[in-house]
Amino acid sequence: MGDPKQQQKQYATPLRPWDKERIDLEAKLIRSYGLESKKELWRTETTLRRFRRQARNLMAATGEQAEKESKQLLEKLKNLGLVDDDDNIVDVLRLDIEDVLARRLQSVVFTKGLARSTNEARQMVNHGHIAIGGKRVTEPGYLVSVEEEEELDHHPNSSYKDAIEPEKVRSSRPAELNLGGE
């Protein structure tokens, strides 16, 4: 079982560490989504890999329990905003890493216009300036559900609350930055 004091890694490293195409793609994703390191990207890829693995296992399974678990998985992914209402379990396999990266708190803060850049959004989250439903969240990699996105705002005690006007942020955003299909 292991030592309870030492947590296990939450990500898997690439099998081919010196693959140029993968390195270039990772660098592009890290820049565009304001990630701190490749470790965050790998953690997100592992989350996506778990969703897809669960979908493949449920597609192969038959019976009442498999249908129930398929509905639960689809409901969870709908709540996270990763699939639509009319999607089925096969559509889970079509999910891309960018779909999951766009649902991270850091990205949602930026796309909602609460920050001027992805890096500023990350700093605001880390320093406790962002709240969901009035409760402070300080994890930039937190996956925001659709319901929580509506409650997302600056923390009531935040100095940023009146400093940033969302209309000005949206008009000054670079056109080449594409977060989640904007």
N, C-alpha and C. Protein backbone atom coordinates (compact mmCIF):
# COMPACT_ATOMS: atom_id res chain seq x y z
N MET A 1 0.81 -1.19 0.00
CA MET A 1 0.00 0.00 0.00
C MET A 1 0.85 1.25 0.00
N GLY A 2 1.98 1.19 0.63
CA GLY A 2 2.86 2.35 0.61
C GLY A 2 2.70 3.20 1.85
N ASP A 3 3.60 4.14 1.96
CA ASP A 3 3.61 5.04 3.09
C ASP A 3 2.49 6.06 2.93
N PRO A 4 1.60 6.21 3.92
CA PRO A 4 0.50 7.16 3.77
C PRO A 4 0.96 8.61 3.77
N LYS A 5 2.19 8.86 4.24
CA LYS A 5 2.69 10.23 4.28
C LYS A 5 3.13 10.71 2.90
N GLN A 6 3.49 9.77 2.03
CA GLN A 6 3.95 10.15 0.70
C GLN A 6 2.88 9.80 -0.32
N GLN A 7 2.35 10.83 -0.96
CA GLN A 7 1.32 10.61 -1.96
C GLN A 7 1.94 10.11 -3.26
N GLN A 8 1.12 9.38 -4.01
CA GLN A 8 1.58 8.90 -5.31
C GLN A 8 1.43 10.00 -6.35
N LYS A 9 2.21 9.85 -7.44
CA LYS A 9 2.13 10.82 -8.52
C LYS A 9 0.71 10.83 -9.09
N GLN A 10 0.25 12.01 -9.47
CA GLN A 10 -1.07 12.17 -10.04
C GLN A 10 -1.00 12.28 -11.57
N TYR A 11 0.11 11.89 -12.14
CA TYR A 11 0.27 12.00 -13.58
C TYR A 11 1.22 10.92 -14.06
N ALA A 12 1.23 10.72 -15.37
CA ALA A 12 2.14 9.77 -16.00
C ALA A 12 3.03 10.55 -16.97
N THR A 13 4.32 10.28 -16.93
CA THR A 13 5.24 10.96 -17.82
C THR A 13 5.18 10.31 -19.21
N PRO A 14 5.59 11.03 -20.25
CA PRO A 14 5.56 10.46 -21.60
C PRO A 14 6.50 9.27 -21.75
N LEU A 15 6.11 8.35 -22.62
CA LEU A 15 6.94 7.17 -22.86
C LEU A 15 8.19 7.52 -23.65
N ARG A 16 8.05 8.46 -24.57
CA ARG A 16 9.20 8.89 -25.37
C ARG A 16 9.55 10.33 -24.97
N PRO A 17 10.50 10.52 -24.07
CA PRO A 17 10.76 11.85 -23.53
C PRO A 17 11.34 12.85 -24.53
N TRP A 18 11.94 12.41 -25.62
CA TRP A 18 12.59 13.34 -26.54
C TRP A 18 11.89 13.41 -27.89
N ASP A 19 10.59 13.25 -27.93
CA ASP A 19 9.82 13.35 -29.15
C ASP A 19 9.57 14.83 -29.46
N LYS A 20 10.16 15.32 -30.55
CA LYS A 20 10.11 16.75 -30.86
C LYS A 20 8.68 17.26 -31.07
N GLU A 21 7.84 16.52 -31.77
CA GLU A 21 6.48 16.96 -32.02
C GLU A 21 5.71 17.12 -30.71
N ARG A 22 5.86 16.16 -29.80
CA ARG A 22 5.18 16.24 -28.52
C ARG A 22 5.69 17.42 -27.70
N ILE A 23 7.00 17.64 -27.71
CA ILE A 23 7.60 18.74 -26.96
C ILE A 23 7.09 20.07 -27.49
N ASP A 24 7.02 20.22 -28.81
CA ASP A 24 6.53 21.46 -29.40
C ASP A 24 5.06 21.70 -29.07
N LEU A 25 4.26 20.64 -29.13
CA LEU A 25 2.84 20.77 -28.79
C LEU A 25 2.67 21.14 -27.31
N GLU A 26 3.44 20.50 -26.45
CA GLU A 26 3.37 20.82 -25.01
C GLU A 26 3.76 22.27 -24.76
N ALA A 27 4.80 22.74 -25.42
CA ALA A 27 5.24 24.13 -25.23
C ALA A 27 4.16 25.11 -25.67
N LYS A 28 3.50 24.80 -26.78
CA LYS A 28 2.42 25.66 -27.27
C LYS A 28 1.25 25.69 -26.28
N LEU A 29 0.87 24.52 -25.77
CA LEU A 29 -0.23 24.46 -24.80
C LEU A 29 0.12 25.17 -23.50
N ILE A 30 1.36 25.02 -23.04
CA ILE A 30 1.78 25.67 -21.81
C ILE A 30 1.73 27.19 -21.96
N ARG A 31 2.17 27.69 -23.11
CA ARG A 31 2.11 29.14 -23.36
C ARG A 31 0.68 29.63 -23.45
N SER A 32 -0.16 28.96 -24.23
CA SER A 32 -1.50 29.47 -24.48
C SER A 32 -2.43 29.34 -23.27
N TYR A 33 -2.22 28.35 -22.42
CA TYR A 33 -3.09 28.17 -21.26
C TYR A 33 -2.44 28.64 -19.96
N GLY A 34 -1.23 29.19 -20.03
CA GLY A 34 -0.58 29.76 -18.86
C GLY A 34 -0.23 28.75 -17.79
N LEU A 35 0.15 27.55 -18.20
CA LEU A 35 0.50 26.53 -17.22
C LEU A 35 1.89 26.81 -16.65
N GLU A 36 2.12 26.33 -15.44
CA GLU A 36 3.40 26.57 -14.79
C GLU A 36 4.48 25.62 -15.30
N SER A 37 4.11 24.36 -15.52
CA SER A 37 5.10 23.37 -15.93
C SER A 37 4.43 22.26 -16.73
N LYS A 38 5.24 21.38 -17.27
CA LYS A 38 4.71 20.24 -18.01
C LYS A 38 3.99 19.29 -17.08
N LYS A 39 4.36 19.31 -15.81
CA LYS A 39 3.71 18.44 -14.83
C LYS A 39 2.20 18.73 -14.79
N GLU A 40 1.80 19.99 -14.87
CA GLU A 40 0.38 20.34 -14.88
C GLU A 40 -0.30 19.81 -16.14
N LEU A 41 0.38 19.91 -17.25
CA LEU A 41 -0.17 19.39 -18.50
C LEU A 41 -0.33 17.88 -18.42
N TRP A 42 0.67 17.20 -17.90
CA TRP A 42 0.60 15.74 -17.78
C TRP A 42 -0.50 15.32 -16.82
N ARG A 43 -0.71 16.10 -15.76
CA ARG A 43 -1.78 15.79 -14.81
C ARG A 43 -3.15 15.91 -15.50
N THR A 44 -3.30 16.93 -16.32
CA THR A 44 -4.55 17.11 -17.07
C THR A 44 -4.73 16.00 -18.09
N GLU A 45 -3.65 15.60 -18.76
CA GLU A 45 -3.72 14.49 -19.71
C GLU A 45 -4.12 13.20 -19.00
N THR A 46 -3.64 12.99 -17.80
CA THR A 46 -3.99 11.80 -17.03
C THR A 46 -5.47 11.82 -16.66
N THR A 47 -5.99 12.98 -16.33
CA THR A 47 -7.43 13.10 -16.04
C THR A 47 -8.24 12.73 -17.28
N LEU A 48 -7.85 13.27 -18.43
CA LEU A 48 -8.53 12.94 -19.68
C LEU A 48 -8.41 11.46 -20.00
N ARG A 49 -7.23 10.90 -19.77
CA ARG A 49 -7.00 9.47 -20.03
C ARG A 49 -7.93 8.61 -19.16
N ARG A 50 -8.16 9.02 -17.91
CA ARG A 50 -9.07 8.27 -17.03
C ARG A 50 -10.50 8.30 -17.56
N PHE A 51 -10.95 9.48 -18.01
CA PHE A 51 -12.29 9.60 -18.57
C PHE A 51 -12.44 8.68 -19.78
N ARG A 52 -11.46 8.72 -20.67
CA ARG A 52 -11.53 7.93 -21.89
C ARG A 52 -11.45 6.43 -21.60
N ARG A 53 -10.60 6.03 -20.66
CA ARG A 53 -10.49 4.62 -20.29
C ARG A 53 -11.80 4.11 -19.71
N GLN A 54 -12.41 4.93 -18.86
CA GLN A 54 -13.69 4.54 -18.27
C GLN A 54 -14.75 4.40 -19.37
N ALA A 55 -14.75 5.31 -20.35
CA ALA A 55 -15.71 5.23 -21.45
C ALA A 55 -15.48 3.97 -22.29
N ARG A 56 -14.23 3.63 -22.58
CA ARG A 56 -13.94 2.41 -23.35
C ARG A 56 -14.41 1.17 -22.61
N ASN A 57 -14.15 1.11 -21.31
CA ASN A 57 -14.59 -0.04 -20.52
C ASN A 57 -16.11 -0.15 -20.49
N LEU A 58 -16.79 0.99 -20.42
CA LEU A 58 -18.25 0.96 -20.38
C LEU A 58 -18.85 0.61 -21.74
N MET A 59 -18.15 0.98 -22.82
CA MET A 59 -18.63 0.60 -24.16
C MET A 59 -18.53 -0.90 -24.35
N ALA A 60 -17.51 -1.51 -23.78
CA ALA A 60 -17.31 -2.96 -23.93
C ALA A 60 -18.23 -3.75 -23.01
N ALA A 61 -18.64 -3.15 -21.91
CA ALA A 61 -19.48 -3.86 -20.94
C ALA A 61 -20.93 -3.84 -21.39
N THR A 62 -21.67 -4.83 -20.91
CA THR A 62 -23.09 -4.90 -21.18
C THR A 62 -23.83 -5.07 -19.86
N GLY A 63 -25.10 -4.80 -19.91
CA GLY A 63 -25.91 -5.01 -18.71
C GLY A 63 -26.42 -3.72 -18.12
N GLU A 64 -27.21 -3.91 -17.10
CA GLU A 64 -27.87 -2.78 -16.44
C GLU A 64 -26.86 -1.88 -15.72
N GLN A 65 -25.88 -2.48 -15.05
CA GLN A 65 -24.88 -1.71 -14.32
C GLN A 65 -24.03 -0.86 -15.26
N ALA A 66 -23.69 -1.40 -16.43
CA ALA A 66 -22.90 -0.65 -17.40
C ALA A 66 -23.67 0.57 -17.91
N GLU A 67 -24.96 0.41 -18.14
CA GLU A 67 -25.79 1.54 -18.59
C GLU A 67 -25.87 2.61 -17.51
N LYS A 68 -26.02 2.17 -16.27
CA LYS A 68 -26.11 3.10 -15.15
C LYS A 68 -24.80 3.89 -15.02
N GLU A 69 -23.67 3.19 -15.10
CA GLU A 69 -22.37 3.87 -14.99
C GLU A 69 -22.11 4.78 -16.19
N SER A 70 -22.59 4.39 -17.37
CA SER A 70 -22.45 5.25 -18.56
C SER A 70 -23.20 6.55 -18.36
N LYS A 71 -24.41 6.45 -17.83
CA LYS A 71 -25.20 7.67 -17.57
C LYS A 71 -24.51 8.54 -16.53
N GLN A 72 -23.93 7.91 -15.51
CA GLN A 72 -23.24 8.68 -14.47
C GLN A 72 -22.02 9.40 -15.04
N LEU A 73 -21.25 8.71 -15.88
CA LEU A 73 -20.08 9.33 -16.49
C LEU A 73 -20.48 10.49 -17.39
N LEU A 74 -21.50 10.28 -18.21
CA LEU A 74 -21.96 11.35 -19.10
C LEU A 74 -22.49 12.53 -18.30
N GLU A 75 -23.19 12.27 -17.21
CA GLU A 75 -23.72 13.34 -16.38
C GLU A 75 -22.58 14.15 -15.75
N LYS A 76 -21.56 13.45 -15.28
CA LYS A 76 -20.40 14.13 -14.70
C LYS A 76 -19.72 15.02 -15.74
N LEU A 77 -19.53 14.49 -16.95
CA LEU A 77 -18.87 15.26 -18.00
C LEU A 77 -19.75 16.41 -18.50
N LYS A 78 -21.07 16.23 -18.48
CA LYS A 78 -21.98 17.33 -18.83
C LYS A 78 -21.88 18.44 -17.80
N ASN A 79 -21.82 18.06 -16.51
CA ASN A 79 -21.69 19.06 -15.46
C ASN A 79 -20.39 19.83 -15.58
N LEU A 80 -19.34 19.17 -16.05
CA LEU A 80 -18.06 19.84 -16.25
C LEU A 80 -18.01 20.63 -17.55
N GLY A 81 -19.03 20.48 -18.40
CA GLY A 81 -19.06 21.21 -19.66
C GLY A 81 -18.19 20.59 -20.73
N LEU A 82 -17.84 19.32 -20.59
CA LEU A 82 -16.97 18.66 -21.56
C LEU A 82 -17.75 17.99 -22.69
N VAL A 83 -18.99 17.59 -22.44
CA VAL A 83 -19.85 17.02 -23.48
C VAL A 83 -21.20 17.73 -23.45
N ASP A 84 -21.93 17.62 -24.56
CA ASP A 84 -23.25 18.25 -24.66
C ASP A 84 -24.34 17.29 -24.18
N ASP A 85 -25.55 17.80 -24.10
CA ASP A 85 -26.68 17.00 -23.62
C ASP A 85 -27.00 15.83 -24.54
N ASP A 86 -26.84 16.02 -25.85
CA ASP A 86 -27.21 14.98 -26.80
C ASP A 86 -26.05 14.03 -27.13
N ASP A 87 -24.90 14.18 -26.48
CA ASP A 87 -23.76 13.30 -26.74
C ASP A 87 -23.95 11.95 -26.05
N ASN A 88 -23.25 10.95 -26.59
CA ASN A 88 -23.30 9.62 -25.97
C ASN A 88 -21.89 9.23 -25.53
N ILE A 89 -21.75 7.99 -25.08
CA ILE A 89 -20.48 7.54 -24.50
C ILE A 89 -19.35 7.52 -25.53
N VAL A 90 -19.66 7.37 -26.80
CA VAL A 90 -18.64 7.38 -27.85
C VAL A 90 -18.00 8.77 -27.97
N ASP A 91 -18.79 9.81 -27.71
CA ASP A 91 -18.27 11.17 -27.82
C ASP A 91 -17.24 11.50 -26.75
N VAL A 92 -17.20 10.73 -25.69
CA VAL A 92 -16.18 10.93 -24.66
C VAL A 92 -14.80 10.63 -25.24
N LEU A 93 -14.73 9.69 -26.16
CA LEU A 93 -13.45 9.34 -26.79
C LEU A 93 -12.94 10.44 -27.71
N ARG A 94 -13.81 11.34 -28.11
CA ARG A 94 -13.42 12.44 -28.99
C ARG A 94 -12.90 13.66 -28.22
N LEU A 95 -12.94 13.59 -26.90
CA LEU A 95 -12.45 14.71 -26.10
C LEU A 95 -10.96 14.92 -26.35
N ASP A 96 -10.55 16.16 -26.31
CA ASP A 96 -9.17 16.54 -26.56
C ASP A 96 -8.60 17.18 -25.29
N ILE A 97 -7.29 17.26 -25.20
CA ILE A 97 -6.65 17.85 -24.02
C ILE A 97 -7.05 19.32 -23.87
N GLU A 98 -7.27 20.00 -24.99
CA GLU A 98 -7.66 21.41 -24.92
C GLU A 98 -9.05 21.59 -24.35
N ASP A 99 -9.94 20.61 -24.54
CA ASP A 99 -11.27 20.69 -23.94
C ASP A 99 -11.16 20.71 -22.42
N VAL A 100 -10.29 19.87 -21.88
CA VAL A 100 -10.13 19.80 -20.42
C VAL A 100 -9.36 21.02 -19.92
N LEU A 101 -8.35 21.46 -20.64
CA LEU A 101 -7.59 22.64 -20.22
C LEU A 101 -8.47 23.89 -20.17
N ALA A 102 -9.44 23.97 -21.06
CA ALA A 102 -10.33 25.13 -21.08
C ALA A 102 -11.28 25.16 -19.89
N ARG A 103 -11.46 24.04 -19.20
CA ARG A 103 -12.35 23.99 -18.05
C ARG A 103 -11.61 24.20 -16.73
N ARG A 104 -10.29 24.39 -16.77
CA ARG A 104 -9.54 24.66 -15.54
C ARG A 104 -9.92 26.04 -15.03
N LEU A 105 -9.84 26.23 -13.73
CA LEU A 105 -10.23 27.50 -13.11
C LEU A 105 -9.44 28.66 -13.69
N GLN A 106 -8.16 28.46 -13.89
CA GLN A 106 -7.31 29.51 -14.44
C GLN A 106 -7.82 29.97 -15.81
N SER A 107 -8.18 29.04 -16.67
CA SER A 107 -8.66 29.37 -18.01
C SER A 107 -10.04 30.01 -17.97
N VAL A 108 -10.90 29.52 -17.09
CA VAL A 108 -12.26 30.07 -16.99
C VAL A 108 -12.21 31.50 -16.46
N VAL A 109 -11.34 31.78 -15.52
CA VAL A 109 -11.19 33.15 -15.01
C VAL A 109 -10.78 34.08 -16.14
N PHE A 110 -9.86 33.63 -16.98
CA PHE A 110 -9.42 34.45 -18.10
C PHE A 110 -10.52 34.64 -19.14
N THR A 111 -11.18 33.55 -19.54
CA THR A 111 -12.22 33.66 -20.58
C THR A 111 -13.43 34.44 -20.09
N LYS A 112 -13.68 34.42 -18.79
CA LYS A 112 -14.81 35.17 -18.24
C LYS A 112 -14.50 36.66 -18.14
N GLY A 113 -13.23 37.02 -18.28
CA GLY A 113 -12.85 38.43 -18.28
C GLY A 113 -12.48 38.96 -16.92
N LEU A 114 -12.21 38.10 -15.96
CA LEU A 114 -11.83 38.57 -14.63
C LEU A 114 -10.34 38.88 -14.53
N ALA A 115 -9.58 38.49 -15.56
CA ALA A 115 -8.14 38.74 -15.60
C ALA A 115 -7.74 39.15 -17.01
N ARG A 116 -6.64 39.89 -17.11
CA ARG A 116 -6.19 40.38 -18.41
C ARG A 116 -5.42 39.34 -19.21
N SER A 117 -4.83 38.35 -18.52
CA SER A 117 -4.06 37.31 -19.19
C SER A 117 -4.18 36.01 -18.41
N THR A 118 -3.73 34.92 -19.03
CA THR A 118 -3.79 33.64 -18.33
C THR A 118 -2.83 33.63 -17.15
N ASN A 119 -1.70 34.30 -17.30
CA ASN A 119 -0.74 34.36 -16.18
C ASN A 119 -1.30 35.18 -15.02
N GLU A 120 -1.99 36.26 -15.33
CA GLU A 120 -2.62 37.05 -14.27
C GLU A 120 -3.74 36.25 -13.61
N ALA A 121 -4.47 35.48 -14.41
CA ALA A 121 -5.53 34.64 -13.85
C ALA A 121 -4.94 33.62 -12.89
N ARG A 122 -3.82 33.03 -13.25
CA ARG A 122 -3.16 32.06 -12.38
C ARG A 122 -2.74 32.70 -11.06
N GLN A 123 -2.16 33.90 -11.16
CA GLN A 123 -1.71 34.58 -9.95
C GLN A 123 -2.91 34.94 -9.06
N MET A 124 -3.99 35.40 -9.66
CA MET A 124 -5.17 35.76 -8.88
C MET A 124 -5.74 34.54 -8.16
N VAL A 125 -5.75 33.39 -8.82
CA VAL A 125 -6.26 32.17 -8.20
C VAL A 125 -5.33 31.75 -7.06
N ASN A 126 -4.03 31.74 -7.31
CA ASN A 126 -3.07 31.32 -6.28
C ASN A 126 -3.10 32.22 -5.05
N HIS A 127 -3.35 33.49 -5.24
CA HIS A 127 -3.32 34.44 -4.13
C HIS A 127 -4.69 34.61 -3.46
N GLY A 128 -5.68 33.85 -3.90
CA GLY A 128 -6.97 33.85 -3.22
C GLY A 128 -7.90 34.98 -3.60
N HIS A 129 -7.76 35.54 -4.79
CA HIS A 129 -8.64 36.62 -5.23
C HIS A 129 -9.89 36.12 -5.95
N ILE A 130 -9.98 34.81 -6.19
CA ILE A 130 -11.11 34.24 -6.93
C ILE A 130 -11.94 33.38 -5.98
N ALA A 131 -13.25 33.50 -6.11
CA ALA A 131 -14.17 32.72 -5.28
C ALA A 131 -15.25 32.11 -6.15
N ILE A 132 -15.71 30.94 -5.73
CA ILE A 132 -16.83 30.28 -6.39
C ILE A 132 -17.94 30.18 -5.35
N GLY A 133 -19.03 30.89 -5.62
CA GLY A 133 -20.13 30.91 -4.66
C GLY A 133 -19.73 31.54 -3.34
N GLY A 134 -18.82 32.51 -3.36
CA GLY A 134 -18.37 33.18 -2.15
C GLY A 134 -17.26 32.45 -1.41
N LYS A 135 -16.90 31.24 -1.86
CA LYS A 135 -15.86 30.47 -1.20
C LYS A 135 -14.57 30.54 -2.01
N ARG A 136 -13.49 30.91 -1.35
CA ARG A 136 -12.19 31.09 -2.00
C ARG A 136 -11.64 29.76 -2.52
N VAL A 137 -11.17 29.76 -3.77
CA VAL A 137 -10.55 28.59 -4.38
C VAL A 137 -9.15 29.01 -4.83
N THR A 138 -8.14 28.25 -4.41
CA THR A 138 -6.75 28.64 -4.71
C THR A 138 -6.02 27.59 -5.55
N GLU A 139 -6.74 26.75 -6.26
CA GLU A 139 -6.12 25.71 -7.10
C GLU A 139 -6.38 26.03 -8.56
N PRO A 140 -5.35 26.47 -9.33
CA PRO A 140 -5.56 26.83 -10.73
C PRO A 140 -6.03 25.66 -11.60
N GLY A 141 -5.73 24.43 -11.21
CA GLY A 141 -6.10 23.26 -11.99
C GLY A 141 -7.47 22.71 -11.65
N TYR A 142 -8.22 23.38 -10.79
CA TYR A 142 -9.56 22.94 -10.40
C TYR A 142 -10.47 22.94 -11.62
N LEU A 143 -11.16 21.83 -11.88
CA LEU A 143 -12.09 21.77 -13.02
C LEU A 143 -13.42 22.39 -12.61
N VAL A 144 -13.80 23.44 -13.31
CA VAL A 144 -14.98 24.22 -12.98
C VAL A 144 -16.19 23.63 -13.68
N SER A 145 -17.25 23.36 -12.94
CA SER A 145 -18.48 22.87 -13.55
C SER A 145 -19.26 24.04 -14.14
N VAL A 146 -20.27 23.74 -14.92
CA VAL A 146 -21.07 24.77 -15.57
C VAL A 146 -21.82 25.60 -14.53
N GLU A 147 -22.35 24.95 -13.49
CA GLU A 147 -23.06 25.68 -12.45
C GLU A 147 -22.12 26.60 -11.67
N GLU A 148 -20.92 26.10 -11.39
CA GLU A 148 -19.95 26.90 -10.65
C GLU A 148 -19.44 28.08 -11.46
N GLU A 149 -19.43 27.94 -12.77
CA GLU A 149 -18.94 29.02 -13.63
C GLU A 149 -19.81 30.26 -13.48
N GLU A 150 -21.11 30.06 -13.28
CA GLU A 150 -22.01 31.20 -13.09
C GLU A 150 -21.74 31.90 -11.77
N GLU A 151 -21.27 31.17 -10.76
CA GLU A 151 -21.01 31.74 -9.44
C GLU A 151 -19.59 32.27 -9.30
N LEU A 152 -18.79 32.12 -10.32
CA LEU A 152 -17.38 32.52 -10.29
C LEU A 152 -17.25 34.04 -10.31
N ASP A 153 -16.50 34.57 -9.35
CA ASP A 153 -16.30 36.02 -9.28
C ASP A 153 -15.09 36.29 -8.40
N HIS A 154 -14.76 37.56 -8.27
CA HIS A 154 -13.70 37.95 -7.35
C HIS A 154 -14.16 37.70 -5.92
N HIS A 155 -13.22 37.37 -5.05
CA HIS A 155 -13.53 37.20 -3.64
C HIS A 155 -13.97 38.57 -3.08
N PRO A 156 -14.93 38.60 -2.16
CA PRO A 156 -15.41 39.89 -1.64
C PRO A 156 -14.31 40.78 -1.06
N ASN A 157 -13.25 40.21 -0.50
CA ASN A 157 -12.16 41.00 0.08
C ASN A 157 -11.04 41.28 -0.91
N SER A 158 -11.20 40.90 -2.17
CA SER A 158 -10.14 41.03 -3.15
C SER A 158 -9.93 42.49 -3.56
N SER A 159 -8.67 42.86 -3.71
CA SER A 159 -8.34 44.20 -4.19
C SER A 159 -8.59 44.32 -5.70
N TYR A 160 -8.76 43.20 -6.39
CA TYR A 160 -9.03 43.21 -7.83
C TYR A 160 -10.51 43.45 -8.14
N LYS A 161 -11.36 43.39 -7.16
CA LYS A 161 -12.81 43.43 -7.38
C LYS A 161 -13.23 44.63 -8.23
N ASP A 162 -12.68 45.78 -7.94
CA ASP A 162 -13.06 46.99 -8.69
C ASP A 162 -11.97 47.43 -9.65
N ALA A 163 -10.83 46.76 -9.65
CA ALA A 163 -9.69 47.19 -10.46
C ALA A 163 -9.81 46.80 -11.93
N ILE A 164 -10.45 45.68 -12.22
CA ILE A 164 -10.52 45.18 -13.59
C ILE A 164 -11.95 45.26 -14.09
N GLU A 165 -12.12 45.92 -15.23
CA GLU A 165 -13.43 46.01 -15.85
C GLU A 165 -13.49 44.98 -16.98
N PRO A 166 -14.41 44.00 -16.91
CA PRO A 166 -14.43 42.92 -17.91
C PRO A 166 -14.57 43.40 -19.34
N GLU A 167 -15.27 44.53 -19.59
CA GLU A 167 -15.45 45.00 -20.96
C GLU A 167 -14.12 45.40 -21.58
N LYS A 168 -13.25 46.05 -20.79
CA LYS A 168 -11.94 46.45 -21.30
C LYS A 168 -11.04 45.25 -21.54
N VAL A 169 -11.15 44.24 -20.69
CA VAL A 169 -10.32 43.04 -20.83
C VAL A 169 -10.67 42.31 -22.12
N ARG A 170 -11.95 42.15 -22.39
CA ARG A 170 -12.37 41.42 -23.59
C ARG A 170 -11.93 42.13 -24.86
N SER A 171 -11.95 43.46 -24.86
CA SER A 171 -11.57 44.18 -26.07
C SER A 171 -10.06 44.20 -26.28
N SER A 172 -9.27 44.03 -25.20
CA SER A 172 -7.82 44.07 -25.34
C SER A 172 -7.19 42.68 -25.50
N ARG A 173 -8.00 41.64 -25.51
CA ARG A 173 -7.50 40.26 -25.60
C ARG A 173 -6.97 39.98 -27.00
N PRO A 174 -5.80 39.36 -27.12
CA PRO A 174 -5.25 39.05 -28.44
C PRO A 174 -6.13 38.06 -29.19
N ALA A 175 -6.27 38.27 -30.49
CA ALA A 175 -7.13 37.43 -31.31
C ALA A 175 -6.54 36.04 -31.54
N GLU A 176 -5.21 35.92 -31.51
CA GLU A 176 -4.60 34.62 -31.81
C GLU A 176 -4.71 33.63 -30.65
N LEU A 177 -5.03 34.10 -29.45
CA LEU A 177 -5.15 33.20 -28.31
C LEU A 177 -6.54 32.56 -28.34
N ASN A 178 -6.57 31.25 -28.44
CA ASN A 178 -7.83 30.54 -28.55
C ASN A 178 -7.97 29.63 -27.34
N LEU A 179 -8.85 30.00 -26.44
CA LEU A 179 -9.11 29.17 -25.26
C LEU A 179 -10.48 28.57 -25.36
N GLY A 180 -10.54 27.30 -25.55
CA GLY A 180 -11.80 26.59 -25.53
C GLY A 180 -12.75 26.94 -26.64
N GLY A 181 -12.25 27.28 -27.79
CA GLY A 181 -13.10 27.49 -28.97
C GLY A 181 -13.77 28.85 -29.02
N GLU A 182 -13.17 29.88 -28.45
CA GLU A 182 -13.75 31.24 -28.53
C GLU A 182 -13.69 31.75 -29.93
